[in-house]
């Protein structure tokens, strides 16, 4: 695809080639829970940070400029939704994304918002 073609398609709505099957209700509910877990600006910022590399709470506090209790609260929500997991390393817990799909969701949402 040329740059010109890509630009022409940049704002074209996504269309599947045929009718899409509707996923099972439980899958739709799980997807809704995931999107709700990602639906806060601080949590979006945390995912963007963890996309770069695993981080501990104090690194997220420094990068985001918010308090430690706030970061911890948002990490709990992300962890319970299966977005992040933490591994203890001495006195600290190192958090990382469970998989790359989650980073793509957030990156695409941010890119869409930036397009205005």
Protein backbone atom coordinates (compact mmCIF):
# COMPACT_ATOMS: atom_id res chain seq x y z
CA UNK A 1 0.00 0.00 0.00
CA UNK A 2 1.38 3.40 -0.95
CA UNK A 3 1.43 6.32 1.46
CA UNK A 4 -1.32 7.97 -0.60
CA UNK A 5 -3.53 4.88 -0.42
CA UNK A 6 -2.85 4.53 3.31
CA UNK A 7 -3.83 8.17 3.87
CA UNK A 8 -7.05 7.68 1.89
CA UNK A 9 -7.97 4.70 4.08
CA UNK A 10 -6.90 6.26 7.38
CA UNK A 11 -10.40 7.47 8.22
CA UNK A 12 -12.37 4.75 6.46
CA UNK A 13 -14.49 2.75 8.88
CA UNK A 14 -13.40 -0.83 9.38
CA UNK A 15 -15.56 -3.24 7.42
CA UNK A 16 -15.24 -6.99 7.60
CA UNK A 17 -15.56 -8.89 4.32
CA UNK A 18 -18.73 -10.62 5.49
CA UNK A 19 -21.15 -10.82 8.37
CA UNK A 20 -19.28 -11.28 11.61
CA UNK A 21 -20.42 -14.00 13.97
CA UNK A 22 -21.54 -12.69 17.33
CA UNK A 23 -19.27 -14.01 20.10
CA UNK A 24 -20.75 -15.84 23.07
CA UNK A 25 -22.32 -13.63 25.72
CA UNK A 26 -19.60 -14.52 28.24
CA UNK A 27 -16.92 -13.39 25.77
CA UNK A 28 -18.74 -10.09 25.23
CA UNK A 29 -19.07 -9.61 29.00
CA UNK A 30 -15.36 -10.32 29.52
CA UNK A 31 -14.47 -7.85 26.74
CA UNK A 32 -16.70 -5.24 28.41
CA UNK A 33 -14.98 -5.79 31.76
CA UNK A 34 -11.58 -5.39 30.10
CA UNK A 35 -12.61 -2.15 28.43
CA UNK A 36 -14.02 -0.82 31.72
CA UNK A 37 -10.72 -1.65 33.43
CA UNK A 38 -8.86 0.35 30.79
CA UNK A 39 -11.31 3.28 30.87
CA UNK A 40 -9.46 5.63 33.24
CA UNK A 41 -6.74 8.08 32.18
CA UNK A 42 -4.31 6.93 34.90
CA UNK A 43 -4.80 3.28 33.92
CA UNK A 44 -4.22 4.15 30.26
CA UNK A 45 -1.01 5.92 31.26
CA UNK A 46 0.07 2.91 33.34
CA UNK A 47 -0.46 0.57 30.38
CA UNK A 48 1.54 2.90 28.14
CA UNK A 49 4.38 2.89 30.69
CA UNK A 50 4.31 -0.89 31.06
CA UNK A 51 4.32 -1.24 27.28
CA UNK A 52 7.88 0.09 27.37
CA UNK A 53 9.12 -2.17 30.18
CA UNK A 54 8.07 -3.70 33.50
CA UNK A 55 7.95 -1.11 36.27
CA UNK A 56 7.59 -0.98 40.02
CA UNK A 57 5.15 1.35 41.76
CA UNK A 58 7.67 4.09 42.57
CA UNK A 59 8.75 4.25 38.91
CA UNK A 60 5.12 4.67 37.85
CA UNK A 61 4.61 7.35 40.52
CA UNK A 62 7.63 9.27 39.19
CA UNK A 63 6.65 8.87 35.53
CA UNK A 64 2.99 9.79 35.99
CA UNK A 65 3.32 12.45 38.68
CA UNK A 66 0.54 10.98 40.83
CA UNK A 67 0.54 9.61 44.36
CA UNK A 68 1.61 6.11 45.34
CA UNK A 69 -1.81 5.20 46.77
CA UNK A 70 -3.47 6.24 43.50
CA UNK A 71 -1.06 4.17 41.39
CA UNK A 72 -1.53 1.18 43.71
CA UNK A 73 -5.31 1.48 43.50
CA UNK A 74 -5.24 1.54 39.70
CA UNK A 75 -2.78 -1.36 39.57
CA UNK A 76 -5.18 -3.40 41.72
CA UNK A 77 -7.98 -2.76 39.22
CA UNK A 78 -5.74 -3.65 36.27
CA UNK A 79 -4.52 -6.76 38.05
CA UNK A 80 -8.01 -7.98 38.91
CA UNK A 81 -9.02 -7.47 35.26
CA UNK A 82 -6.08 -9.57 34.09
CA UNK A 83 -4.34 -6.66 32.37
CA UNK A 84 -1.17 -6.70 34.50
CA UNK A 85 0.54 -9.08 36.83
CA UNK A 86 3.16 -8.42 39.42
CA UNK A 87 6.20 -10.36 40.50
CA UNK A 88 7.92 -9.67 43.80
CA UNK A 89 11.59 -8.76 43.60
CA UNK A 90 12.91 -8.20 47.11
CA UNK A 91 10.81 -5.47 48.69
CA UNK A 92 9.30 -4.30 45.41
CA UNK A 93 6.74 -5.72 43.03
CA UNK A 94 7.57 -5.44 39.34
CA UNK A 95 4.43 -5.02 37.21
CA UNK A 96 4.13 -5.94 33.56
CA UNK A 97 1.40 -6.35 30.96
CA UNK A 98 -0.10 -9.81 30.63
CA UNK A 99 0.12 -9.62 26.81
CA UNK A 100 0.65 -7.26 23.87
CA UNK A 101 -3.02 -7.21 22.84
CA UNK A 102 -3.73 -4.92 25.74
CA UNK A 103 -1.07 -2.42 24.71
CA UNK A 104 -2.48 -2.38 21.16
CA UNK A 105 -5.96 -1.54 22.45
CA UNK A 106 -4.61 1.41 24.44
CA UNK A 107 -2.21 2.63 21.75
CA UNK A 108 -4.98 2.52 19.13
CA UNK A 109 -7.38 4.40 21.43
CA UNK A 110 -4.77 7.10 22.13
CA UNK A 111 -3.95 7.41 18.42
CA UNK A 112 -7.64 7.76 17.61
CA UNK A 113 -8.06 10.46 20.27
CA UNK A 114 -5.02 12.34 18.92
CA UNK A 115 -6.54 12.36 15.42
CA UNK A 116 -9.28 14.48 16.92
